[in-house]
């Protein structure tokens, strides 16, 4: 496991979050009942991505989903919303230093993803 993966799994354990590391080295956990993934990226140890995958399946016309994605990107700090194939995902992608203190930001990032999902659902259901 990479140093970053160890840091994430240690933080999750210390905060009481169950997690697993898959065969690709991604850290998988639940936050407020939502699936979250920190994909492995050993080539860039100072890059952290927290992904909330598969929040919405696009069926038929993509326009409304793309408008909701645009609203999330415009309304929320740090969060990226995107469609890959016919599924909408959310992520936070940030640069970290060589000795990050996850207590300073990790939980806030997860909260921001949960809030972004609510914004997306609000716009998609208008």
N, C-alpha and C. Protein backbone atom coordinates (compact mmCIF):
# COMPACT_ATOMS: atom_id res chain seq x y z
N UNK A 1 0.84 -1.19 0.00
CA UNK A 1 0.00 0.00 0.00
C UNK A 1 0.87 1.24 0.00
N UNK A 2 0.38 2.27 -0.69
CA UNK A 2 1.13 3.52 -0.75
C UNK A 2 1.00 4.28 0.57
N UNK A 3 1.87 5.24 0.75
CA UNK A 3 1.83 6.09 1.94
C UNK A 3 0.49 6.80 2.05
N UNK A 4 -0.02 7.30 0.90
CA UNK A 4 -1.30 8.00 0.90
C UNK A 4 -2.44 7.05 1.28
N UNK A 5 -2.43 5.84 0.75
CA UNK A 5 -3.46 4.86 1.09
C UNK A 5 -3.41 4.53 2.57
N UNK A 6 -2.22 4.35 3.10
CA UNK A 6 -2.07 4.10 4.54
C UNK A 6 -2.62 5.26 5.36
N UNK A 7 -2.32 6.47 4.94
CA UNK A 7 -2.80 7.66 5.64
C UNK A 7 -4.32 7.69 5.67
N UNK A 8 -4.94 7.41 4.53
CA UNK A 8 -6.41 7.42 4.44
C UNK A 8 -7.01 6.32 5.30
N UNK A 9 -6.49 5.10 5.19
CA UNK A 9 -7.06 3.99 5.96
C UNK A 9 -6.85 4.19 7.46
N UNK A 10 -5.72 4.75 7.85
CA UNK A 10 -5.49 5.03 9.27
C UNK A 10 -6.48 6.08 9.78
N UNK A 11 -6.72 7.13 8.98
CA UNK A 11 -7.66 8.17 9.39
C UNK A 11 -9.06 7.59 9.50
N UNK A 12 -9.49 6.83 8.49
CA UNK A 12 -10.82 6.23 8.53
C UNK A 12 -10.99 5.34 9.75
N UNK A 13 -9.98 4.52 10.05
CA UNK A 13 -10.03 3.65 11.23
C UNK A 13 -10.12 4.47 12.51
N UNK A 14 -9.33 5.52 12.60
CA UNK A 14 -9.32 6.33 13.82
C UNK A 14 -10.65 7.04 14.05
N UNK A 15 -11.37 7.30 12.96
CA UNK A 15 -12.67 7.98 13.06
C UNK A 15 -13.84 7.00 13.11
N UNK A 16 -13.53 5.70 13.06
CA UNK A 16 -14.56 4.68 13.20
C UNK A 16 -15.27 4.29 11.91
N UNK A 17 -14.71 4.64 10.77
CA UNK A 17 -15.31 4.28 9.48
C UNK A 17 -14.79 2.93 9.02
N UNK A 18 -15.71 2.04 8.68
CA UNK A 18 -15.31 0.77 8.08
C UNK A 18 -14.87 1.06 6.66
N UNK A 19 -13.87 0.32 6.21
CA UNK A 19 -13.35 0.54 4.87
C UNK A 19 -12.68 -0.73 4.36
N UNK A 20 -12.40 -0.74 3.09
CA UNK A 20 -11.62 -1.83 2.52
C UNK A 20 -10.75 -1.24 1.42
N UNK A 21 -9.71 -1.96 1.10
CA UNK A 21 -8.83 -1.60 -0.01
C UNK A 21 -9.00 -2.68 -1.06
N UNK A 22 -9.42 -2.27 -2.27
CA UNK A 22 -9.66 -3.27 -3.31
C UNK A 22 -8.35 -3.69 -3.98
N UNK A 23 -8.45 -4.60 -4.93
CA UNK A 23 -7.26 -5.15 -5.58
C UNK A 23 -6.48 -4.11 -6.38
N UNK A 24 -7.13 -3.00 -6.74
CA UNK A 24 -6.45 -1.92 -7.45
C UNK A 24 -5.83 -0.90 -6.50
N UNK A 25 -6.04 -1.07 -5.20
CA UNK A 25 -5.49 -0.16 -4.21
C UNK A 25 -6.40 0.99 -3.85
N UNK A 26 -7.64 0.99 -4.37
CA UNK A 26 -8.60 2.04 -4.03
C UNK A 26 -9.17 1.78 -2.64
N UNK A 27 -9.36 2.86 -1.89
CA UNK A 27 -9.97 2.77 -0.57
C UNK A 27 -11.47 3.01 -0.73
N UNK A 28 -12.27 2.07 -0.26
CA UNK A 28 -13.72 2.12 -0.40
C UNK A 28 -14.32 2.22 1.00
N UNK A 29 -15.23 3.18 1.18
CA UNK A 29 -15.86 3.38 2.48
C UNK A 29 -17.22 4.03 2.30
N UNK A 30 -17.99 4.06 3.38
CA UNK A 30 -19.28 4.75 3.38
C UNK A 30 -19.17 5.96 4.29
N UNK A 31 -19.79 7.05 3.85
CA UNK A 31 -19.87 8.27 4.64
C UNK A 31 -21.32 8.72 4.60
N UNK A 32 -21.94 8.82 5.76
CA UNK A 32 -23.36 9.16 5.86
C UNK A 32 -24.20 8.27 4.95
N UNK A 33 -23.84 7.00 4.89
CA UNK A 33 -24.57 6.03 4.10
C UNK A 33 -24.30 6.08 2.61
N UNK A 34 -23.39 6.95 2.18
CA UNK A 34 -23.06 7.12 0.76
C UNK A 34 -21.76 6.40 0.45
N UNK A 35 -21.72 5.77 -0.72
CA UNK A 35 -20.50 5.10 -1.15
C UNK A 35 -19.45 6.13 -1.56
N UNK A 36 -18.25 5.94 -1.10
CA UNK A 36 -17.13 6.81 -1.42
C UNK A 36 -15.93 5.95 -1.80
N UNK A 37 -15.11 6.48 -2.68
CA UNK A 37 -13.90 5.79 -3.12
C UNK A 37 -12.77 6.80 -3.21
N UNK A 38 -11.62 6.43 -2.72
CA UNK A 38 -10.38 7.17 -2.96
C UNK A 38 -9.54 6.29 -3.88
N UNK A 39 -9.61 6.55 -5.19
CA UNK A 39 -8.85 5.71 -6.12
C UNK A 39 -7.35 5.82 -5.85
N UNK A 40 -6.65 4.73 -6.10
CA UNK A 40 -5.20 4.73 -5.97
C UNK A 40 -4.61 5.58 -7.09
N UNK A 41 -3.61 6.34 -6.77
CA UNK A 41 -2.89 7.13 -7.78
C UNK A 41 -1.46 7.25 -7.30
N UNK A 42 -0.75 6.14 -7.38
CA UNK A 42 0.62 6.08 -6.86
C UNK A 42 1.59 6.94 -7.66
N UNK A 43 1.21 7.29 -8.89
CA UNK A 43 2.10 8.11 -9.71
C UNK A 43 2.11 9.57 -9.27
N UNK A 44 1.09 10.00 -8.50
CA UNK A 44 1.03 11.37 -8.03
C UNK A 44 0.66 11.36 -6.54
N UNK A 45 1.65 11.21 -5.67
CA UNK A 45 1.36 11.07 -4.24
C UNK A 45 0.79 12.34 -3.60
N UNK A 46 0.83 13.47 -4.30
CA UNK A 46 0.31 14.71 -3.73
C UNK A 46 -1.07 15.06 -4.27
N UNK A 47 -1.70 14.12 -4.95
CA UNK A 47 -3.04 14.31 -5.50
C UNK A 47 -4.00 13.39 -4.77
N UNK A 48 -5.12 13.95 -4.30
CA UNK A 48 -6.14 13.17 -3.60
C UNK A 48 -7.47 13.36 -4.30
N UNK A 49 -8.09 12.25 -4.64
CA UNK A 49 -9.44 12.28 -5.22
C UNK A 49 -10.35 11.48 -4.30
N UNK A 50 -11.47 12.09 -3.94
CA UNK A 50 -12.54 11.40 -3.22
C UNK A 50 -13.72 11.37 -4.18
N UNK A 51 -14.17 10.20 -4.50
CA UNK A 51 -15.20 10.02 -5.52
C UNK A 51 -16.48 9.48 -4.89
N UNK A 52 -17.62 10.09 -5.26
CA UNK A 52 -18.92 9.54 -4.93
C UNK A 52 -19.50 9.03 -6.25
N UNK A 53 -19.38 7.73 -6.46
CA UNK A 53 -19.73 7.19 -7.78
C UNK A 53 -21.23 6.93 -7.94
N UNK A 54 -21.66 6.99 -9.19
CA UNK A 54 -22.99 6.51 -9.56
C UNK A 54 -24.16 7.12 -8.84
N UNK A 55 -24.21 8.46 -8.76
CA UNK A 55 -25.32 9.06 -8.02
C UNK A 55 -26.60 9.15 -8.84
N UNK A 56 -26.48 8.96 -10.17
CA UNK A 56 -27.66 9.10 -11.02
C UNK A 56 -27.42 8.41 -12.35
N UNK A 57 -28.42 7.67 -12.81
CA UNK A 57 -28.37 7.04 -14.12
C UNK A 57 -29.13 7.91 -15.11
N UNK A 58 -28.48 8.30 -16.17
CA UNK A 58 -29.11 9.13 -17.20
C UNK A 58 -29.87 8.23 -18.16
N UNK A 59 -31.14 8.52 -18.30
CA UNK A 59 -31.97 7.77 -19.24
C UNK A 59 -32.57 8.76 -20.22
N UNK A 60 -32.49 8.46 -21.49
CA UNK A 60 -33.08 9.33 -22.50
C UNK A 60 -32.28 10.60 -22.70
N UNK A 61 -32.98 11.72 -22.80
CA UNK A 61 -32.36 13.01 -23.05
C UNK A 61 -31.41 13.40 -21.91
N UNK A 62 -30.18 13.70 -22.26
CA UNK A 62 -29.14 14.03 -21.28
C UNK A 62 -29.17 15.49 -20.84
N UNK A 63 -29.98 16.32 -21.51
CA UNK A 63 -29.94 17.77 -21.28
C UNK A 63 -30.18 18.14 -19.82
N UNK A 64 -31.23 17.60 -19.22
CA UNK A 64 -31.55 17.94 -17.84
C UNK A 64 -30.43 17.52 -16.89
N UNK A 65 -29.87 16.34 -17.12
CA UNK A 65 -28.77 15.87 -16.28
C UNK A 65 -27.55 16.77 -16.44
N UNK A 66 -27.25 17.18 -17.67
CA UNK A 66 -26.09 18.05 -17.90
C UNK A 66 -26.31 19.43 -17.28
N UNK A 67 -27.54 19.91 -17.30
CA UNK A 67 -27.84 21.18 -16.64
C UNK A 67 -27.66 21.07 -15.12
N UNK A 68 -28.08 19.94 -14.55
CA UNK A 68 -27.91 19.72 -13.10
C UNK A 68 -26.43 19.59 -12.76
N UNK A 69 -25.67 18.91 -13.62
CA UNK A 69 -24.22 18.80 -13.43
C UNK A 69 -23.59 20.19 -13.44
N UNK A 70 -23.98 21.00 -14.40
CA UNK A 70 -23.45 22.36 -14.51
C UNK A 70 -23.78 23.17 -13.25
N UNK A 71 -24.99 23.00 -12.73
CA UNK A 71 -25.38 23.72 -11.52
C UNK A 71 -24.51 23.33 -10.33
N UNK A 72 -24.24 22.05 -10.20
CA UNK A 72 -23.37 21.60 -9.10
C UNK A 72 -21.99 22.22 -9.24
N UNK A 73 -21.43 22.17 -10.44
CA UNK A 73 -20.08 22.71 -10.65
C UNK A 73 -20.03 24.21 -10.38
N UNK A 74 -21.11 24.89 -10.69
CA UNK A 74 -21.16 26.34 -10.49
C UNK A 74 -21.43 26.70 -9.03
N UNK A 75 -22.34 25.95 -8.39
CA UNK A 75 -22.79 26.29 -7.03
C UNK A 75 -21.88 25.81 -5.91
N UNK A 76 -21.13 24.77 -6.11
CA UNK A 76 -20.36 24.14 -5.05
C UNK A 76 -18.87 24.40 -5.20
N UNK A 77 -18.22 24.66 -4.10
CA UNK A 77 -16.76 24.80 -4.08
C UNK A 77 -16.13 23.42 -4.23
N UNK A 78 -15.06 23.35 -4.95
CA UNK A 78 -14.16 22.19 -5.02
C UNK A 78 -14.76 20.97 -5.73
N UNK A 79 -16.07 20.79 -5.71
CA UNK A 79 -16.70 19.58 -6.25
C UNK A 79 -16.76 19.62 -7.77
N UNK A 80 -16.46 18.47 -8.35
CA UNK A 80 -16.65 18.26 -9.79
C UNK A 80 -17.80 17.28 -9.96
N UNK A 81 -18.72 17.62 -10.83
CA UNK A 81 -19.77 16.69 -11.22
C UNK A 81 -19.53 16.36 -12.68
N UNK A 82 -19.71 15.09 -13.03
CA UNK A 82 -19.46 14.73 -14.42
C UNK A 82 -20.25 13.48 -14.79
N UNK A 83 -20.51 13.37 -16.08
CA UNK A 83 -21.18 12.19 -16.61
C UNK A 83 -20.14 11.34 -17.32
N UNK A 84 -20.10 10.09 -16.96
CA UNK A 84 -19.26 9.12 -17.65
C UNK A 84 -20.20 8.06 -18.18
N UNK A 85 -20.22 7.94 -19.50
CA UNK A 85 -21.21 7.12 -20.17
C UNK A 85 -22.58 7.62 -19.75
N UNK A 86 -23.40 6.86 -19.10
CA UNK A 86 -24.74 7.31 -18.70
C UNK A 86 -24.91 7.39 -17.19
N UNK A 87 -23.81 7.61 -16.49
CA UNK A 87 -23.85 7.68 -15.04
C UNK A 87 -23.20 8.97 -14.57
N UNK A 88 -23.84 9.62 -13.59
CA UNK A 88 -23.30 10.85 -13.01
C UNK A 88 -22.51 10.50 -11.76
N UNK A 89 -21.35 11.11 -11.65
CA UNK A 89 -20.46 10.92 -10.51
C UNK A 89 -20.08 12.29 -9.95
N UNK A 90 -19.70 12.31 -8.70
CA UNK A 90 -19.17 13.51 -8.05
C UNK A 90 -17.77 13.20 -7.54
N UNK A 91 -16.91 14.22 -7.57
CA UNK A 91 -15.59 14.02 -6.98
C UNK A 91 -15.05 15.32 -6.43
N UNK A 92 -14.13 15.17 -5.53
CA UNK A 92 -13.31 16.27 -5.06
C UNK A 92 -11.89 15.87 -5.39
N UNK A 93 -11.20 16.76 -6.05
CA UNK A 93 -9.83 16.50 -6.47
C UNK A 93 -8.97 17.66 -5.98
N UNK A 94 -8.06 17.35 -5.08
CA UNK A 94 -7.23 18.39 -4.48
C UNK A 94 -5.77 17.95 -4.43
N UNK A 95 -4.92 18.95 -4.27
CA UNK A 95 -3.51 18.68 -4.05
C UNK A 95 -3.25 18.75 -2.56
N UNK A 96 -2.46 17.82 -2.07
CA UNK A 96 -2.12 17.78 -0.66
C UNK A 96 -0.60 17.92 -0.53
N UNK A 97 -0.15 18.25 0.67
CA UNK A 97 1.30 18.35 0.86
C UNK A 97 1.86 16.98 1.25
N UNK A 98 3.14 16.95 1.51
CA UNK A 98 3.80 15.66 1.79
C UNK A 98 3.45 15.11 3.17
N UNK A 99 2.94 15.96 4.05
CA UNK A 99 2.56 15.52 5.39
C UNK A 99 1.16 16.04 5.73
N UNK A 100 0.16 15.63 4.97
CA UNK A 100 -1.18 16.19 5.21
C UNK A 100 -1.78 15.70 6.52
N UNK A 101 -2.54 16.57 7.14
CA UNK A 101 -3.29 16.21 8.34
C UNK A 101 -4.74 16.08 7.90
N UNK A 102 -5.20 14.85 7.68
CA UNK A 102 -6.54 14.63 7.16
C UNK A 102 -7.62 15.17 8.08
N UNK A 103 -7.32 15.32 9.37
CA UNK A 103 -8.28 15.93 10.29
C UNK A 103 -8.67 17.33 9.83
N UNK A 104 -7.77 17.99 9.11
CA UNK A 104 -8.02 19.37 8.68
C UNK A 104 -9.05 19.48 7.56
N UNK A 105 -9.25 18.41 6.77
CA UNK A 105 -10.09 18.60 5.58
C UNK A 105 -10.86 17.38 5.09
N UNK A 106 -10.51 16.18 5.46
CA UNK A 106 -11.11 15.01 4.83
C UNK A 106 -12.62 14.92 5.06
N UNK A 107 -13.04 15.10 6.29
CA UNK A 107 -14.47 15.02 6.59
C UNK A 107 -15.24 16.15 5.91
N UNK A 108 -14.67 17.33 5.87
CA UNK A 108 -15.34 18.44 5.17
C UNK A 108 -15.51 18.12 3.69
N UNK A 109 -14.50 17.51 3.08
CA UNK A 109 -14.62 17.12 1.67
C UNK A 109 -15.76 16.14 1.48
N UNK A 110 -15.88 15.17 2.36
CA UNK A 110 -16.98 14.20 2.26
C UNK A 110 -18.33 14.90 2.44
N UNK A 111 -18.40 15.83 3.40
CA UNK A 111 -19.63 16.61 3.58
C UNK A 111 -19.98 17.39 2.32
N UNK A 112 -18.98 17.95 1.67
CA UNK A 112 -19.21 18.72 0.45
C UNK A 112 -19.77 17.84 -0.67
N UNK A 113 -19.33 16.61 -0.75
CA UNK A 113 -19.87 15.69 -1.74
C UNK A 113 -21.33 15.36 -1.45
N UNK A 114 -21.65 15.13 -0.20
CA UNK A 114 -23.04 14.85 0.18
C UNK A 114 -23.92 16.04 -0.16
N UNK A 115 -23.47 17.24 0.14
CA UNK A 115 -24.23 18.45 -0.18
C UNK A 115 -24.38 18.62 -1.69
N UNK A 116 -23.34 18.33 -2.43
CA UNK A 116 -23.41 18.43 -3.90
C UNK A 116 -24.41 17.45 -4.47
N UNK A 117 -24.49 16.26 -3.89
CA UNK A 117 -25.49 15.29 -4.34
C UNK A 117 -26.90 15.86 -4.13
N UNK A 118 -27.13 16.51 -3.00
CA UNK A 118 -28.44 17.11 -2.74
C UNK A 118 -28.74 18.22 -3.75
N UNK A 119 -27.74 19.04 -4.07
CA UNK A 119 -27.92 20.09 -5.07
C UNK A 119 -28.27 19.48 -6.43
N UNK A 120 -27.56 18.42 -6.79
CA UNK A 120 -27.83 17.75 -8.06
C UNK A 120 -29.28 17.25 -8.09
N UNK A 121 -29.70 16.55 -7.05
CA UNK A 121 -31.07 16.01 -7.00
C UNK A 121 -32.10 17.13 -7.05
N UNK A 122 -31.81 18.23 -6.37
CA UNK A 122 -32.74 19.38 -6.40
C UNK A 122 -32.92 19.86 -7.84
N UNK A 123 -31.82 20.03 -8.56
CA UNK A 123 -31.89 20.54 -9.94
C UNK A 123 -32.49 19.52 -10.90
N UNK A 124 -32.21 18.27 -10.70
CA UNK A 124 -32.72 17.24 -11.62
C UNK A 124 -34.24 17.08 -11.44
N UNK A 125 -34.75 17.38 -10.25
CA UNK A 125 -36.18 17.20 -9.98
C UNK A 125 -37.00 18.48 -10.13
N UNK A 126 -36.38 19.54 -10.59
CA UNK A 126 -37.13 20.81 -10.79
C UNK A 126 -38.11 20.67 -11.93
